[in-house]
Amino acid sequence: MVVDDERDVVTLIRFLLEKDGHEVLEAYNGVDALAKLGVEPKKEGAPLPDLIILDVMMPLMDGYATATRLREDPTTRPIPVVVLTAKGQMRELFEMAPNVAAYIEKPFDPKNLRDLVAGMLAGNK
């Protein structure tokens, strides 16, 4: 799942990951992501991704609050989160978050993102 309020960023990441054979869910803010994952409102049987790429600065619910809710919910707690940050942006807030597996700074290198996702998903299988 890619969660970012910048539609161009979501489109780019979806394109890169689909090129590698991944199915990509999209959300444009934290509230949207939690609804699609069945966290808020609670909904059984919602699709759960193997990995979430999460932007920090978003309207309605920022990445920090979203990561916190994902960590609090037993269904989404095990899903690794990759945080997209602008240089130095609130990274220290995520340092203690157990579900945050990696950080990528914007602007990011597409090859590095693809390699990171491939490595993380290979490690989960």
Protein backbone atom coordinates (compact mmCIF):
# COMPACT_ATOMS: atom_id res chain seq x y z
CA MET A 1 0.00 0.00 0.00
CA VAL A 2 1.20 3.51 -0.82
CA VAL A 3 -0.13 6.35 1.37
CA ASP A 4 0.74 9.87 0.20
CA ASP A 5 -1.33 12.98 -0.43
CA GLU A 6 0.71 13.79 -3.55
CA ARG A 7 -1.05 11.87 -6.30
CA ASP A 8 2.00 12.08 -8.59
CA VAL A 9 4.12 10.34 -5.93
CA VAL A 10 1.50 7.59 -5.53
CA THR A 11 1.30 7.15 -9.30
CA LEU A 12 5.09 6.94 -9.63
CA ILE A 13 5.48 4.42 -6.80
CA ARG A 14 2.56 2.34 -8.09
CA PHE A 15 4.14 2.30 -11.56
CA LEU A 16 7.54 1.25 -10.19
CA LEU A 17 6.12 -1.52 -8.01
CA GLU A 18 3.65 -2.85 -10.57
CA LYS A 19 6.57 -3.03 -13.01
CA ASP A 20 8.11 -5.50 -10.53
CA GLY A 21 4.89 -7.52 -10.40
CA HIS A 22 3.44 -6.14 -7.15
CA GLU A 23 -0.22 -5.28 -6.61
CA VAL A 24 -0.54 -1.79 -5.13
CA LEU A 25 -3.31 -0.37 -2.94
CA GLU A 26 -3.52 3.43 -2.81
CA ALA A 27 -4.55 5.89 -0.12
CA TYR A 28 -4.17 9.67 -0.10
CA ASN A 29 -4.09 10.34 3.65
CA GLY A 30 -4.03 8.43 6.92
CA VAL A 31 -7.81 8.40 7.36
CA ASP A 32 -8.22 6.91 3.88
CA ALA A 33 -5.54 4.29 4.58
CA LEU A 34 -7.06 3.20 7.91
CA ALA A 35 -10.50 2.89 6.30
CA LYS A 36 -9.17 0.78 3.41
CA LEU A 37 -7.30 -1.47 5.85
CA GLY A 38 -10.42 -1.95 8.00
CA VAL A 39 -8.88 -0.28 11.07
CA GLU A 40 -11.16 2.78 11.38
CA PRO A 41 -13.98 2.08 11.01
CA LYS A 42 -13.38 -1.52 12.02
CA LYS A 43 -14.15 -3.88 9.15
CA GLU A 44 -13.32 -7.56 9.03
CA GLY A 45 -11.89 -9.02 5.84
CA ALA A 46 -10.29 -5.85 4.48
CA PRO A 47 -7.28 -6.50 2.24
CA LEU A 48 -3.98 -6.35 4.11
CA PRO A 49 -0.80 -5.42 2.27
CA ASP A 50 2.59 -7.03 2.83
CA LEU A 51 4.15 -3.57 3.20
CA ILE A 52 3.02 0.05 3.65
CA ILE A 53 4.89 3.02 2.19
CA LEU A 54 3.75 5.99 4.27
CA ASP A 55 4.31 9.71 3.76
CA VAL A 56 4.80 11.88 6.86
CA MET A 57 3.12 15.18 5.95
CA MET A 58 -0.50 14.61 4.91
CA PRO A 59 -3.83 16.32 5.58
CA LEU A 60 -6.48 14.87 7.94
CA MET A 61 -4.03 12.45 9.59
CA ASP A 62 -0.26 12.64 9.27
CA GLY A 63 2.08 9.69 8.90
CA TYR A 64 3.04 9.62 12.56
CA ALA A 65 -0.58 9.31 13.74
CA THR A 66 -1.28 6.75 11.02
CA ALA A 67 1.75 4.62 11.99
CA THR A 68 0.65 4.80 15.62
CA ARG A 69 -2.87 3.55 14.78
CA LEU A 70 -1.42 0.78 12.59
CA ARG A 71 0.81 -0.29 15.47
CA GLU A 72 -2.10 -0.27 17.95
CA ASP A 73 -4.32 -2.51 15.82
CA PRO A 74 -3.48 -6.24 16.14
CA THR A 75 -4.40 -6.87 12.50
CA THR A 76 -2.03 -4.27 11.04
CA ARG A 77 0.70 -4.33 13.72
CA PRO A 78 2.87 -6.91 11.89
CA ILE A 79 2.85 -5.01 8.57
CA PRO A 80 6.23 -3.31 8.04
CA VAL A 81 6.09 0.42 7.30
CA VAL A 82 8.50 2.37 5.10
CA VAL A 83 8.31 6.06 5.98
CA LEU A 84 8.75 8.66 3.22
CA THR A 85 10.26 11.82 4.65
CA ALA A 86 11.53 15.11 3.39
CA LYS A 87 15.10 15.70 4.64
CA GLY A 88 15.16 15.47 8.42
CA GLN A 89 11.37 15.73 8.65
CA MET A 90 10.09 14.27 11.92
CA ARG A 91 12.26 11.19 11.49
CA GLU A 92 13.13 11.24 15.19
CA LEU A 93 9.44 10.76 16.04
CA PHE A 94 9.51 7.40 14.28
CA GLU A 95 12.79 6.16 15.75
CA MET A 96 11.05 4.15 18.48
CA ALA A 97 8.19 2.85 16.34
CA PRO A 98 8.58 -0.94 16.12
CA ASN A 99 6.56 -1.24 12.91
CA VAL A 100 8.75 1.25 11.00
CA ALA A 101 11.17 -0.89 9.04
CA ALA A 102 12.91 1.76 6.91
CA TYR A 103 13.04 5.41 5.87
CA ILE A 104 13.29 6.90 2.41
CA GLU A 105 14.00 10.59 1.94
CA LYS A 106 12.19 12.56 -0.75
CA PRO A 107 13.18 13.01 -3.45
CA PHE A 108 14.00 9.31 -3.65
CA ASP A 109 15.93 7.24 -6.16
CA PRO A 110 13.42 4.89 -7.85
CA LYS A 111 15.95 2.04 -8.06
CA ASN A 112 16.72 2.29 -4.34
CA LEU A 113 13.00 2.19 -3.51
CA ARG A 114 12.44 -0.85 -5.72
CA ASP A 115 15.45 -2.63 -4.23
CA LEU A 116 14.33 -1.83 -0.68
CA VAL A 117 10.79 -3.10 -1.31
CA ALA A 118 12.05 -6.25 -3.06
CA GLY A 119 14.44 -7.00 -0.19
CA MET A 120 11.82 -6.42 2.47
CA LEU A 121 9.20 -8.54 0.75
CA ALA A 122 11.71 -11.34 0.12
CA GLY A 123 12.52 -11.28 3.85
CA ASN A 124 8.82 -11.60 4.75
CA LYS A 125 8.27 -14.77 2.74
